[in-house]
Amino acid sequence: MHKPIITIVAMSVQPFDDVILEDVKVYEQQKRLTIHITVSFKMKQNMLAFCEHIQKQVMDDIYEMTGKEVFAVHLYVRRLVDGKNA
C-alpha cells in the first residue's frame, strides 16, 4: 500500500554519503503520513544536524512527489560505524 512512499524515502536517503537505509515503516492517519526510518551511518562531526537534514529531505521529497502531508519523520540510528567497520 505504501510502496511508492518507501521508494521515495530510499531515493531521498541515497544521496547522503555513508548512510545505510535499514528499515522504513509508513503510517497514514487522516491523510497525514508518519514515517519511521532506521539507518546506520559513519560517525559525523555534527550528527544532530545531519539527522535533521535527512528528515527534512524525506519530508520535502514525499510532499513534492505525492502532495501528501508528512506529519513526522522519526529517524532511528541503529548503528554508528567508524571508517574501518563501514
PDB file of N, CA and C in Angstrom:
ATOM      1  N   MET A   1       0.811  -1.187   0.000  1.00  0.00           N
ATOM      2  CA  MET A   1       0.000   0.000   0.000  1.00  0.00           C
ATOM      3  C   MET A   1       0.863   1.264   0.000  1.00  0.00           C
ATOM      4  N   HIS A   2       1.952   1.240   0.757  1.00  0.00           N
ATOM      5  CA  HIS A   2       2.806   2.415   0.851  1.00  0.00           C
ATOM      6  C   HIS A   2       4.125   2.229   0.110  1.00  0.00           C
ATOM      7  N   LYS A   3       4.172   1.309  -0.847  1.00  0.00           N
ATOM      8  CA  LYS A   3       5.416   1.051  -1.568  1.00  0.00           C
ATOM      9  C   LYS A   3       5.966   2.297  -2.263  1.00  0.00           C
ATOM     10  N   PRO A   4       5.127   3.140  -2.889  1.00  0.00           N
ATOM     11  CA  PRO A   4       5.692   4.357  -3.503  1.00  0.00           C
ATOM     12  C   PRO A   4       6.357   5.277  -2.469  1.00  0.00           C
ATOM     13  N   ILE A   5       5.797   5.376  -1.287  1.00  0.00           N
ATOM     14  CA  ILE A   5       6.378   6.221  -0.241  1.00  0.00           C
ATOM     15  C   ILE A   5       7.719   5.648   0.204  1.00  0.00           C
ATOM     16  N   ILE A   6       7.786   4.341   0.367  1.00  0.00           N
ATOM     17  CA  ILE A   6       9.034   3.689   0.767  1.00  0.00           C
ATOM     18  C   ILE A   6      10.106   3.917  -0.294  1.00  0.00           C
ATOM     19  N   THR A   7       9.720   3.854  -1.560  1.00  0.00           N
ATOM     20  CA  THR A   7      10.657   4.113  -2.651  1.00  0.00           C
ATOM     21  C   THR A   7      11.168   5.548  -2.603  1.00  0.00           C
ATOM     22  N   ILE A   8      10.277   6.494  -2.329  1.00  0.00           N
ATOM     23  CA  ILE A   8      10.682   7.893  -2.230  1.00  0.00           C
ATOM     24  C   ILE A   8      11.654   8.082  -1.067  1.00  0.00           C
ATOM     25  N   VAL A   9      11.394   7.427   0.051  1.00  0.00           N
ATOM     26  CA  VAL A   9      12.310   7.510   1.195  1.00  0.00           C
ATOM     27  C   VAL A   9      13.687   6.989   0.798  1.00  0.00           C
ATOM     28  N   ALA A  10      13.730   5.857   0.127  1.00  0.00           N
ATOM     29  CA  ALA A  10      15.007   5.283  -0.304  1.00  0.00           C
ATOM     30  C   ALA A  10      15.744   6.240  -1.242  1.00  0.00           C
ATOM     31  N   MET A  11      15.023   6.864  -2.156  1.00  0.00           N
ATOM     32  CA  MET A  11      15.632   7.826  -3.072  1.00  0.00           C
ATOM     33  C   MET A  11      16.121   9.062  -2.319  1.00  0.00           C
ATOM     34  N   SER A  12      15.400   9.477  -1.306  1.00  0.00           N
ATOM     35  CA  SER A  12      15.771  10.662  -0.537  1.00  0.00           C
ATOM     36  C   SER A  12      17.041  10.448   0.274  1.00  0.00           C
ATOM     37  N   VAL A  13      17.227   9.244   0.777  1.00  0.00           N
ATOM     38  CA  VAL A  13      18.375   8.937   1.621  1.00  0.00           C
ATOM     39  C   VAL A  13      19.614   8.617   0.786  1.00  0.00           C
ATOM     40  N   GLN A  14      19.423   8.146  -0.424  1.00  0.00           N
ATOM     41  CA  GLN A  14      20.525   7.691  -1.264  1.00  0.00           C
ATOM     42  C   GLN A  14      21.651   8.723  -1.446  1.00  0.00           C
ATOM     43  N   PRO A  15      21.360  10.010  -1.654  1.00  0.00           N
ATOM     44  CA  PRO A  15      22.458  10.967  -1.866  1.00  0.00           C
ATOM     45  C   PRO A  15      23.344  11.215  -0.637  1.00  0.00           C
ATOM     46  N   PHE A  16      22.886  10.839   0.544  1.00  0.00           N
ATOM     47  CA  PHE A  16      23.680  11.061   1.747  1.00  0.00           C
ATOM     48  C   PHE A  16      24.788  10.015   1.824  1.00  0.00           C
ATOM     49  N   ASP A  17      26.017  10.496   1.865  1.00  0.00           N
ATOM     50  CA  ASP A  17      27.164   9.594   1.903  1.00  0.00           C
ATOM     51  C   ASP A  17      27.143   8.726   3.153  1.00  0.00           C
ATOM     52  N   ASP A  18      27.466   7.482   2.954  1.00  0.00           N
ATOM     53  CA  ASP A  18      27.673   6.549   4.058  1.00  0.00           C
ATOM     54  C   ASP A  18      26.429   6.253   4.894  1.00  0.00           C
ATOM     55  N   VAL A  19      25.239   6.478   4.346  1.00  0.00           N
ATOM     56  CA  VAL A  19      24.010   6.150   5.065  1.00  0.00           C
ATOM     57  C   VAL A  19      23.454   4.849   4.512  1.00  0.00           C
ATOM     58  N   ILE A  20      23.169   3.920   5.397  1.00  0.00           N
ATOM     59  CA  ILE A  20      22.571   2.647   5.003  1.00  0.00           C
ATOM     60  C   ILE A  20      21.140   2.635   5.526  1.00  0.00           C
ATOM     61  N   LEU A  21      20.203   2.572   4.614  1.00  0.00           N
ATOM     62  CA  LEU A  21      18.784   2.502   4.978  1.00  0.00           C
ATOM     63  C   LEU A  21      18.466   1.067   5.364  1.00  0.00           C
ATOM     64  N   GLU A  22      18.018   0.868   6.595  1.00  0.00           N
ATOM     65  CA  GLU A  22      17.765  -0.478   7.088  1.00  0.00           C
ATOM     66  C   GLU A  22      16.283  -0.840   7.120  1.00  0.00           C
ATOM     67  N   ASP A  23      15.428   0.132   7.447  1.00  0.00           N
ATOM     68  CA  ASP A  23      14.003  -0.178   7.559  1.00  0.00           C
ATOM     69  C   ASP A  23      13.190   1.096   7.396  1.00  0.00           C
ATOM     70  N   VAL A  24      12.010   0.953   6.804  1.00  0.00           N
ATOM     71  CA  VAL A  24      11.072   2.067   6.657  1.00  0.00           C
ATOM     72  C   VAL A  24       9.679   1.551   6.985  1.00  0.00           C
ATOM     73  N   LYS A  25       8.987   2.292   7.833  1.00  0.00           N
ATOM     74  CA  LYS A  25       7.586   1.996   8.132  1.00  0.00           C
ATOM     75  C   LYS A  25       6.794   3.271   7.876  1.00  0.00           C
ATOM     76  N   VAL A  26       5.629   3.119   7.270  1.00  0.00           N
ATOM     77  CA  VAL A  26       4.785   4.256   6.921  1.00  0.00           C
ATOM     78  C   VAL A  26       3.413   4.039   7.546  1.00  0.00           C
ATOM     79  N   TYR A  27       2.943   5.070   8.223  1.00  0.00           N
ATOM     80  CA  TYR A  27       1.604   5.048   8.815  1.00  0.00           C
ATOM     81  C   TYR A  27       0.847   6.257   8.302  1.00  0.00           C
ATOM     82  N   GLU A  28      -0.421   6.047   7.979  1.00  0.00           N
ATOM     83  CA  GLU A  28      -1.251   7.151   7.486  1.00  0.00           C
ATOM     84  C   GLU A  28      -2.496   7.260   8.354  1.00  0.00           C
ATOM     85  N   GLN A  29      -2.732   8.475   8.820  1.00  0.00           N
ATOM     86  CA  GLN A  29      -3.914   8.736   9.624  1.00  0.00           C
ATOM     87  C   GLN A  29      -4.434  10.117   9.244  1.00  0.00           C
ATOM     88  N   GLN A  30      -5.693  10.178   8.890  1.00  0.00           N
ATOM     89  CA  GLN A  30      -6.343  11.410   8.483  1.00  0.00           C
ATOM     90  C   GLN A  30      -5.565  12.111   7.367  1.00  0.00           C
ATOM     91  N   LYS A  31      -5.115  11.326   6.384  1.00  0.00           N
ATOM     92  CA  LYS A  31      -4.396  11.801   5.200  1.00  0.00           C
ATOM     93  C   LYS A  31      -3.052  12.445   5.511  1.00  0.00           C
ATOM     94  N   ARG A  32      -2.512  12.173   6.704  1.00  0.00           N
ATOM     95  CA  ARG A  32      -1.178  12.653   7.054  1.00  0.00           C
ATOM     96  C   ARG A  32      -0.290  11.454   7.332  1.00  0.00           C
ATOM     97  N   LEU A  33       0.932  11.536   6.861  1.00  0.00           N
ATOM     98  CA  LEU A  33       1.867  10.421   6.980  1.00  0.00           C
ATOM     99  C   LEU A  33       2.808  10.602   8.163  1.00  0.00           C
ATOM    100  N   THR A  34       3.108   9.498   8.800  1.00  0.00           N
ATOM    101  CA  THR A  34       4.182   9.426   9.784  1.00  0.00           C
ATOM    102  C   THR A  34       5.146   8.361   9.272  1.00  0.00           C
ATOM    103  N   ILE A  35       6.402   8.738   9.159  1.00  0.00           N
ATOM    104  CA  ILE A  35       7.418   7.858   8.601  1.00  0.00           C
ATOM    105  C   ILE A  35       8.406   7.493   9.703  1.00  0.00           C
ATOM    106  N   HIS A  36       8.727   6.202   9.818  1.00  0.00           N
ATOM    107  CA  HIS A  36       9.752   5.719  10.742  1.00  0.00           C
ATOM    108  C   HIS A  36      10.881   5.134   9.889  1.00  0.00           C
ATOM    109  N   ILE A  37      12.071   5.695  10.040  1.00  0.00           N
ATOM    110  CA  ILE A  37      13.218   5.274   9.237  1.00  0.00           C
ATOM    111  C   ILE A  37      14.324   4.814  10.181  1.00  0.00           C
ATOM    112  N   THR A  38      14.881   3.652   9.906  1.00  0.00           N
ATOM    113  CA  THR A  38      16.034   3.158  10.656  1.00  0.00           C
ATOM    114  C   THR A  38      17.233   3.141   9.731  1.00  0.00           C
ATOM    115  N   VAL A  39      18.332   3.751  10.181  1.00  0.00           N
ATOM    116  CA  VAL A  39      19.537   3.857   9.362  1.00  0.00           C
ATOM    117  C   VAL A  39      20.769   3.521  10.191  1.00  0.00           C
ATOM    118  N   SER A  40      21.853   3.284   9.485  1.00  0.00           N
ATOM    119  CA  SER A  40      23.190   3.225  10.065  1.00  0.00           C
ATOM    120  C   SER A  40      24.056   4.155   9.231  1.00  0.00           C
ATOM    121  N   PHE A  41      25.034   4.781   9.857  1.00  0.00           N
ATOM    122  CA  PHE A  41      25.954   5.622   9.084  1.00  0.00           C
ATOM    123  C   PHE A  41      27.247   5.839   9.838  1.00  0.00           C
ATOM    124  N   LYS A  42      28.237   6.373   9.105  1.00  0.00           N
ATOM    125  CA  LYS A  42      29.519   6.689   9.717  1.00  0.00           C
ATOM    126  C   LYS A  42      29.350   7.860  10.666  1.00  0.00           C
ATOM    127  N   MET A  43      30.167   7.861  11.686  1.00  0.00           N
ATOM    128  CA  MET A  43      30.128   8.957  12.653  1.00  0.00           C
ATOM    129  C   MET A  43      30.418  10.274  11.932  1.00  0.00           C
ATOM    130  N   LYS A  44      29.689  11.297  12.332  1.00  0.00           N
ATOM    131  CA  LYS A  44      29.807  12.632  11.730  1.00  0.00           C
ATOM    132  C   LYS A  44      30.185  13.629  12.812  1.00  0.00           C
ATOM    133  N   GLN A  45      30.669  14.773  12.380  1.00  0.00           N
ATOM    134  CA  GLN A  45      31.018  15.842  13.308  1.00  0.00           C
ATOM    135  C   GLN A  45      29.771  16.367  14.009  1.00  0.00           C
ATOM    136  N   ASN A  46      28.740  16.685  13.247  1.00  0.00           N
ATOM    137  CA  ASN A  46      27.503  17.224  13.816  1.00  0.00           C
ATOM    138  C   ASN A  46      26.354  16.287  13.441  1.00  0.00           C
ATOM    139  N   MET A  47      26.193  15.225  14.204  1.00  0.00           N
ATOM    140  CA  MET A  47      25.210  14.197  13.860  1.00  0.00           C
ATOM    141  C   MET A  47      23.778  14.685  13.964  1.00  0.00           C
ATOM    142  N   LEU A  48      23.481  15.565  14.912  1.00  0.00           N
ATOM    143  CA  LEU A  48      22.117  16.074  15.049  1.00  0.00           C
ATOM    144  C   LEU A  48      21.696  16.839  13.801  1.00  0.00           C
ATOM    145  N   ALA A  49      22.537  17.733  13.328  1.00  0.00           N
ATOM    146  CA  ALA A  49      22.226  18.499  12.113  1.00  0.00           C
ATOM    147  C   ALA A  49      22.105  17.568  10.907  1.00  0.00           C
ATOM    148  N   PHE A  50      22.949  16.556  10.848  1.00  0.00           N
ATOM    149  CA  PHE A  50      22.911  15.590   9.756  1.00  0.00           C
ATOM    150  C   PHE A  50      21.577  14.839   9.753  1.00  0.00           C
ATOM    151  N   CYS A  51      21.135  14.388  10.926  1.00  0.00           N
ATOM    152  CA  CYS A  51      19.856  13.671  11.036  1.00  0.00           C
ATOM    153  C   CYS A  51      18.684  14.589  10.681  1.00  0.00           C
ATOM    154  N   GLU A  52      18.725  15.827  11.132  1.00  0.00           N
ATOM    155  CA  GLU A  52      17.664  16.780  10.796  1.00  0.00           C
ATOM    156  C   GLU A  52      17.605  17.030   9.298  1.00  0.00           C
ATOM    157  N   HIS A  53      18.760  17.064   8.659  1.00  0.00           N
ATOM    158  CA  HIS A  53      18.806  17.265   7.205  1.00  0.00           C
ATOM    159  C   HIS A  53      18.156  16.082   6.474  1.00  0.00           C
ATOM    160  N   ILE A  54      18.430  14.876   6.926  1.00  0.00           N
ATOM    161  CA  ILE A  54      17.795  13.693   6.334  1.00  0.00           C
ATOM    162  C   ILE A  54      16.277  13.777   6.506  1.00  0.00           C
ATOM    163  N   GLN A  55      15.816  14.103   7.708  1.00  0.00           N
ATOM    164  CA  GLN A  55      14.381  14.200   7.965  1.00  0.00           C
ATOM    165  C   GLN A  55      13.718  15.220   7.043  1.00  0.00           C
ATOM    166  N   LYS A  56      14.320  16.381   6.911  1.00  0.00           N
ATOM    167  CA  LYS A  56      13.749  17.439   6.067  1.00  0.00           C
ATOM    168  C   LYS A  56      13.721  17.009   4.607  1.00  0.00           C
ATOM    169  N   GLN A  57      14.787  16.373   4.157  1.00  0.00           N
ATOM    170  CA  GLN A  57      14.845  15.917   2.763  1.00  0.00           C
ATOM    171  C   GLN A  57      13.724  14.919   2.476  1.00  0.00           C
ATOM    172  N   VAL A  58      13.515  13.987   3.383  1.00  0.00           N
ATOM    173  CA  VAL A  58      12.459  12.986   3.215  1.00  0.00           C
ATOM    174  C   VAL A  58      11.083  13.663   3.166  1.00  0.00           C
ATOM    175  N   MET A  59      10.833  14.573   4.108  1.00  0.00           N
ATOM    176  CA  MET A  59       9.537  15.282   4.135  1.00  0.00           C
ATOM    177  C   MET A  59       9.298  16.047   2.838  1.00  0.00           C
ATOM    178  N   ASP A  60      10.307  16.791   2.410  1.00  0.00           N
ATOM    179  CA  ASP A  60      10.172  17.610   1.201  1.00  0.00           C
ATOM    180  C   ASP A  60       9.948  16.746  -0.037  1.00  0.00           C
ATOM    181  N   ASP A  61      10.716  15.671  -0.161  1.00  0.00           N
ATOM    182  CA  ASP A  61      10.589  14.807  -1.339  1.00  0.00           C
ATOM    183  C   ASP A  61       9.218  14.136  -1.396  1.00  0.00           C
ATOM    184  N   ILE A  62       8.731  13.648  -0.279  1.00  0.00           N
ATOM    185  CA  ILE A  62       7.418  13.000  -0.277  1.00  0.00           C
ATOM    186  C   ILE A  62       6.337  13.997  -0.664  1.00  0.00           C
ATOM    187  N   TYR A  63       6.406  15.195  -0.102  1.00  0.00           N
ATOM    188  CA  TYR A  63       5.392  16.206  -0.436  1.00  0.00           C
ATOM    189  C   TYR A  63       5.465  16.597  -1.909  1.00  0.00           C
ATOM    190  N   GLU A  64       6.676  16.814  -2.417  1.00  0.00           N
ATOM    191  CA  GLU A  64       6.847  17.194  -3.822  1.00  0.00           C
ATOM    192  C   GLU A  64       6.340  16.125  -4.784  1.00  0.00           C
ATOM    193  N   MET A  65       6.567  14.858  -4.458  1.00  0.00           N
ATOM    194  CA  MET A  65       6.237  13.776  -5.389  1.00  0.00           C
ATOM    195  C   MET A  65       4.814  13.249  -5.235  1.00  0.00           C
ATOM    196  N   THR A  66       4.208  13.465  -4.062  1.00  0.00           N
ATOM    197  CA  THR A  66       2.869  12.896  -3.852  1.00  0.00           C
ATOM    198  C   THR A  66       1.822  13.931  -3.463  1.00  0.00           C
ATOM    199  N   GLY A  67       2.260  15.075  -2.933  1.00  0.00           N
ATOM    200  CA  GLY A  67       1.325  16.067  -2.427  1.00  0.00           C
ATOM    201  C   GLY A  67       0.772  15.721  -1.061  1.00  0.00           C
ATOM    202  N   LYS A  68       1.250  14.620  -0.476  1.00  0.00           N
ATOM    203  CA  LYS A  68       0.767  14.203   0.847  1.00  0.00           C
ATOM    204  C   LYS A  68       1.532  14.936   1.940  1.00  0.00           C
ATOM    205  N   GLU A  69       0.790  15.314   2.975  1.00  0.00           N
ATOM    206  CA  GLU A  69       1.401  15.985   4.110  1.00  0.00           C
ATOM    207  C   GLU A  69       2.107  14.961   4.992  1.00  0.00           C
ATOM    208  N   VAL A  70       3.328  15.268   5.342  1.00  0.00           N
ATOM    209  CA  VAL A  70       4.084  14.412   6.246  1.00  0.00           C
ATOM    210  C   VAL A  70       4.040  15.055   7.625  1.00  0.00           C
ATOM    211  N   PHE A  71       3.398  14.370   8.546  1.00  0.00           N
ATOM    212  CA  PHE A  71       3.249  14.875   9.910  1.00  0.00           C
ATOM    213  C   PHE A  71       4.570  14.776  10.674  1.00  0.00           C
ATOM    214  N   ALA A  72       5.277  13.639  10.514  1.00  0.00           N
ATOM    215  CA  ALA A  72       6.532  13.439  11.240  1.00  0.00           C
ATOM    216  C   ALA A  72       7.407  12.428  10.521  1.00  0.00           C
ATOM    217  N   VAL A  73       8.714  12.632  10.638  1.00  0.00           N
ATOM    218  CA  VAL A  73       9.703  11.649  10.194  1.00  0.00           C
ATOM    219  C   VAL A  73      10.537  11.309  11.420  1.00  0.00           C
ATOM    220  N   HIS A  74      10.379  10.086  11.906  1.00  0.00           N
ATOM    221  CA  HIS A  74      11.143   9.616  13.059  1.00  0.00           C
ATOM    222  C   HIS A  74      12.357   8.861  12.528  1.00  0.00           C
ATOM    223  N   LEU A  75      13.522   9.354  12.850  1.00  0.00           N
ATOM    224  CA  LEU A  75      14.758   8.764  12.360  1.00  0.00           C
ATOM    225  C   LEU A  75      15.452   8.048  13.508  1.00  0.00           C
ATOM    226  N   TYR A  76      15.636   6.755  13.344  1.00  0.00           N
ATOM    227  CA  TYR A  76      16.303   5.941  14.348  1.00  0.00           C
ATOM    228  C   TYR A  76      17.670   5.532  13.812  1.00  0.00           C
ATOM    229  N   VAL A  77      18.705   5.809  14.566  1.00  0.00           N
ATOM    230  CA  VAL A  77      20.051   5.405  14.170  1.00  0.00           C
ATOM    231  C   VAL A  77      20.369   4.111  14.907  1.00  0.00           C
ATOM    232  N   ARG A  78      20.401   3.044  14.158  1.00  0.00           N
ATOM    233  CA  ARG A  78      20.633   1.721  14.758  1.00  0.00           C
ATOM    234  C   ARG A  78      22.089   1.536  15.131  1.00  0.00           C
ATOM    235  N   ARG A  79      22.974   2.078  14.275  1.00  0.00           N
ATOM    236  CA  ARG A  79      24.390   1.792  14.486  1.00  0.00           C
ATOM    237  C   ARG A  79      25.225   2.919  13.889  1.00  0.00           C
ATOM    238  N   LEU A  80      26.260   3.303  14.621  1.00  0.00           N
ATOM    239  CA  LEU A  80      27.271   4.223  14.121  1.00  0.00           C
ATOM    240  C   LEU A  80      28.521   3.399  13.850  1.00  0.00           C
ATOM    241  N   VAL A  81      29.105   3.607  12.705  1.00  0.00           N
ATOM    242  CA  VAL A  81      30.295   2.835  12.341  1.00  0.00           C
ATOM    243  C   VAL A  81      31.443   3.796  12.099  1.00  0.00           C
ATOM    244  N   ASP A  82      32.651   3.328  12.377  1.00  0.00           N
ATOM    245  CA  ASP A  82      33.817   4.126  12.033  1.00  0.00           C
ATOM    246  C   ASP A  82      34.295   3.691  10.654  1.00  0.00           C
ATOM    247  N   GLY A  83      35.261   4.356  10.128  1.00  0.00           N
ATOM    248  CA  GLY A  83      35.743   4.082   8.783  1.00  0.00           C
ATOM    249  C   GLY A  83      36.208   2.661   8.567  1.00  0.00           C
ATOM    250  N   LYS A  84      36.719   2.028   9.616  1.00  0.00           N
ATOM    251  CA  LYS A  84      37.242   0.662   9.488  1.00  0.00           C
ATOM    252  C   LYS A  84      36.136  -0.380   9.373  1.00  0.00           C
ATOM    253  N   ASN A  85      34.970  -0.093   9.970  1.00  0.00           N
ATOM    254  CA  ASN A  85      33.887  -1.073  10.002  1.00  0.00           C
ATOM    255  C   ASN A  85      32.799  -0.809   8.983  1.00  0.00           C
ATOM    256  N   ALA A  86      32.967   0.182   8.161  1.00  0.00           N
ATOM    257  CA  ALA A  86      31.913   0.562   7.198  1.00  0.00           C
ATOM    258  C   ALA A  86      31.818  -0.413   6.061  1.00  0.00           C
TER     259      ALA A  86
END
